[in-house]
Amino acid sequence: MLVVPGCVEIPFAINRHWNKAKQQFDEPHAYIALGTVIKGDTPHFDYVCKMVADGILQLNLMLPVPTIFGVLTVNTEEQAIERIGGKHGHKGEEAAITALKMLE
């Protein structure tokens, strides 16, 4: 598991991990990008969401393994909680299932 200070850093961390793993002949079969961006009062939310989505898209086109988009983009903390085991299911679990399907 890689931990980064913010969602914008997720694509960089995945790319760096891939390059190190490739050198050690220990390449993962897939990556799952998990995080949460909660909307505030400024347009910063829109920029962060776009940067993360674009970065993960680039990884999917560049790497020979899938990178699954599991980043929540929500308006409130309550919405995030609803998506990690609440009434909207568990988006992390759904991302893991997607990774397994991509490996087929």
C-alpha atoms as a PDB file:
ATOM      1  CA  MET A   1       0.000   0.000   0.000  1.00  0.00           C
ATOM      2  CA  LEU A   2       1.230   3.448  -0.888  1.00  0.00           C
ATOM      3  CA  VAL A   3       0.164   6.438   1.188  1.00  0.00           C
ATOM      4  CA  VAL A   4       0.330   9.960  -0.232  1.00  0.00           C
ATOM      5  CA  PRO A   5      -0.510  13.362   1.295  1.00  0.00           C
ATOM      6  CA  GLY A   6      -3.304  14.097  -1.182  1.00  0.00           C
ATOM      7  CA  CYS A   7      -5.201  12.681  -4.137  1.00  0.00           C
ATOM      8  CA  VAL A   8      -3.268  14.700  -6.698  1.00  0.00           C
ATOM      9  CA  GLU A   9      -0.155  12.730  -5.745  1.00  0.00           C
ATOM     10  CA  ILE A  10      -1.744   9.314  -6.403  1.00  0.00           C
ATOM     11  CA  PRO A  11      -0.768   9.046 -10.114  1.00  0.00           C
ATOM     12  CA  PHE A  12       2.827  10.066  -9.371  1.00  0.00           C
ATOM     13  CA  ALA A  13       3.118   7.492  -6.589  1.00  0.00           C
ATOM     14  CA  ILE A  14       1.695   4.717  -8.759  1.00  0.00           C
ATOM     15  CA  ASN A  15       4.023   5.571 -11.644  1.00  0.00           C
ATOM     16  CA  ARG A  16       7.043   5.665  -9.351  1.00  0.00           C
ATOM     17  CA  HIS A  17       6.062   2.375  -7.725  1.00  0.00           C
ATOM     18  CA  TRP A  18       5.668   0.747 -11.147  1.00  0.00           C
ATOM     19  CA  ASN A  19       9.125   1.895 -12.249  1.00  0.00           C
ATOM     20  CA  LYS A  20      10.754   0.571  -9.067  1.00  0.00           C
ATOM     21  CA  ALA A  21       8.839  -2.719  -9.170  1.00  0.00           C
ATOM     22  CA  LYS A  22       9.750  -3.196 -12.831  1.00  0.00           C
ATOM     23  CA  GLN A  23      13.450  -2.947 -11.989  1.00  0.00           C
ATOM     24  CA  GLN A  24      13.048  -5.544  -9.237  1.00  0.00           C
ATOM     25  CA  PHE A  25      11.019  -7.929 -11.442  1.00  0.00           C
ATOM     26  CA  ASP A  26       8.154  -7.654  -8.947  1.00  0.00           C
ATOM     27  CA  GLU A  27       5.508  -6.012 -11.104  1.00  0.00           C
ATOM     28  CA  PRO A  28       1.977  -5.803  -9.696  1.00  0.00           C
ATOM     29  CA  HIS A  29      -0.910  -7.042 -11.820  1.00  0.00           C
ATOM     30  CA  ALA A  30      -3.050  -3.953 -11.156  1.00  0.00           C
ATOM     31  CA  TYR A  31      -3.272  -0.781  -9.110  1.00  0.00           C
ATOM     32  CA  ILE A  32      -6.302   0.558  -7.264  1.00  0.00           C
ATOM     33  CA  ALA A  33      -6.293   4.297  -6.625  1.00  0.00           C
ATOM     34  CA  LEU A  34      -8.328   5.033  -3.492  1.00  0.00           C
ATOM     35  CA  GLY A  35      -8.933   8.414  -1.933  1.00  0.00           C
ATOM     36  CA  THR A  36     -11.556  11.036  -1.231  1.00  0.00           C
ATOM     37  CA  VAL A  37     -11.935  14.605  -2.424  1.00  0.00           C
ATOM     38  CA  ILE A  38     -14.569  16.564  -0.506  1.00  0.00           C
ATOM     39  CA  LYS A  39     -15.926  19.718  -2.119  1.00  0.00           C
ATOM     40  CA  GLY A  40     -15.272  22.978  -0.330  1.00  0.00           C
ATOM     41  CA  ASP A  41     -16.289  26.543  -1.065  1.00  0.00           C
ATOM     42  CA  THR A  42     -13.752  27.170  -3.836  1.00  0.00           C
ATOM     43  CA  PRO A  43     -13.181  25.753  -7.332  1.00  0.00           C
ATOM     44  CA  HIS A  44     -10.133  23.886  -5.980  1.00  0.00           C
ATOM     45  CA  PHE A  45     -12.304  20.734  -5.831  1.00  0.00           C
ATOM     46  CA  ASP A  46     -12.850  20.806  -9.596  1.00  0.00           C
ATOM     47  CA  TYR A  47      -9.134  21.194 -10.312  1.00  0.00           C
ATOM     48  CA  VAL A  48      -8.144  18.385  -7.959  1.00  0.00           C
ATOM     49  CA  CYS A  49     -10.766  16.004  -9.353  1.00  0.00           C
ATOM     50  CA  LYS A  50      -9.690  16.705 -12.924  1.00  0.00           C
ATOM     51  CA  MET A  51      -5.992  16.289 -12.131  1.00  0.00           C
ATOM     52  CA  VAL A  52      -6.568  12.954 -10.416  1.00  0.00           C
ATOM     53  CA  ALA A  53      -8.853  11.633 -13.148  1.00  0.00           C
ATOM     54  CA  ASP A  54      -6.478  12.752 -15.912  1.00  0.00           C
ATOM     55  CA  GLY A  55      -3.497  11.255 -14.086  1.00  0.00           C
ATOM     56  CA  ILE A  56      -5.177   7.889 -13.670  1.00  0.00           C
ATOM     57  CA  LEU A  57      -6.289   7.941 -17.297  1.00  0.00           C
ATOM     58  CA  GLN A  58      -2.676   8.547 -18.357  1.00  0.00           C
ATOM     59  CA  LEU A  59      -1.532   5.605 -16.229  1.00  0.00           C
ATOM     60  CA  ASN A  60      -4.110   3.352 -17.886  1.00  0.00           C
ATOM     61  CA  LEU A  61      -2.791   4.324 -21.295  1.00  0.00           C
ATOM     62  CA  MET A  62       0.882   4.152 -20.312  1.00  0.00           C
ATOM     63  CA  LEU A  63       1.250   1.141 -18.011  1.00  0.00           C
ATOM     64  CA  PRO A  64       0.724  -2.456 -19.136  1.00  0.00           C
ATOM     65  CA  VAL A  65      -1.471  -3.067 -16.064  1.00  0.00           C
ATOM     66  CA  PRO A  66      -4.797  -1.444 -15.158  1.00  0.00           C
ATOM     67  CA  THR A  67      -5.166   1.389 -12.668  1.00  0.00           C
ATOM     68  CA  ILE A  68      -8.649   1.374 -11.197  1.00  0.00           C
ATOM     69  CA  PHE A  69     -10.276   4.696 -10.303  1.00  0.00           C
ATOM     70  CA  GLY A  70     -11.564   4.352  -6.743  1.00  0.00           C
ATOM     71  CA  VAL A  71     -11.341   8.008  -5.756  1.00  0.00           C
ATOM     72  CA  LEU A  72     -14.522   9.363  -4.203  1.00  0.00           C
ATOM     73  CA  THR A  73     -15.507  12.860  -5.304  1.00  0.00           C
ATOM     74  CA  VAL A  74     -18.219  13.987  -2.916  1.00  0.00           C
ATOM     75  CA  ASN A  75     -19.844  17.108  -1.536  1.00  0.00           C
ATOM     76  CA  THR A  76     -19.770  16.099   2.127  1.00  0.00           C
ATOM     77  CA  GLU A  77     -18.065  13.756   4.559  1.00  0.00           C
ATOM     78  CA  GLU A  78     -21.432  12.056   5.070  1.00  0.00           C
ATOM     79  CA  GLN A  79     -21.561  11.166   1.370  1.00  0.00           C
ATOM     80  CA  ALA A  80     -18.083   9.675   1.627  1.00  0.00           C
ATOM     81  CA  ILE A  81     -19.121   7.517   4.583  1.00  0.00           C
ATOM     82  CA  GLU A  82     -22.211   6.353   2.673  1.00  0.00           C
ATOM     83  CA  ARG A  83     -19.878   5.104  -0.064  1.00  0.00           C
ATOM     84  CA  ILE A  84     -17.487   3.158   2.158  1.00  0.00           C
ATOM     85  CA  GLY A  85     -19.960   0.726   3.592  1.00  0.00           C
ATOM     86  CA  GLY A  86     -23.136   2.750   3.940  1.00  0.00           C
ATOM     87  CA  LYS A  87     -26.285   2.850   1.870  1.00  0.00           C
ATOM     88  CA  HIS A  88     -24.334   3.279  -1.383  1.00  0.00           C
ATOM     89  CA  GLY A  89     -22.277   0.112  -0.949  1.00  0.00           C
ATOM     90  CA  HIS A  90     -18.513  -0.010  -0.581  1.00  0.00           C
ATOM     91  CA  LYS A  91     -16.709   1.703  -3.433  1.00  0.00           C
ATOM     92  CA  GLY A  92     -13.339   0.258  -2.389  1.00  0.00           C
ATOM     93  CA  GLU A  93     -14.745  -3.243  -2.665  1.00  0.00           C
ATOM     94  CA  GLU A  94     -16.244  -2.380  -6.036  1.00  0.00           C
ATOM     95  CA  ALA A  95     -12.840  -1.124  -7.215  1.00  0.00           C
ATOM     96  CA  ALA A  96     -11.216  -4.413  -6.138  1.00  0.00           C
ATOM     97  CA  ILE A  97     -13.841  -6.382  -8.067  1.00  0.00           C
ATOM     98  CA  THR A  98     -13.191  -4.186 -11.103  1.00  0.00           C
ATOM     99  CA  ALA A  99      -9.458  -4.912 -10.835  1.00  0.00           C
ATOM    100  CA  LEU A 100     -10.149  -8.649 -10.779  1.00  0.00           C
ATOM    101  CA  LYS A 101     -12.408  -8.339 -13.814  1.00  0.00           C
ATOM    102  CA  MET A 102      -9.719  -6.406 -15.680  1.00  0.00           C
ATOM    103  CA  LEU A 103      -7.237  -9.188 -14.968  1.00  0.00           C
ATOM    104  CA  GLU A 104      -9.521 -11.693 -16.712  1.00  0.00           C
END
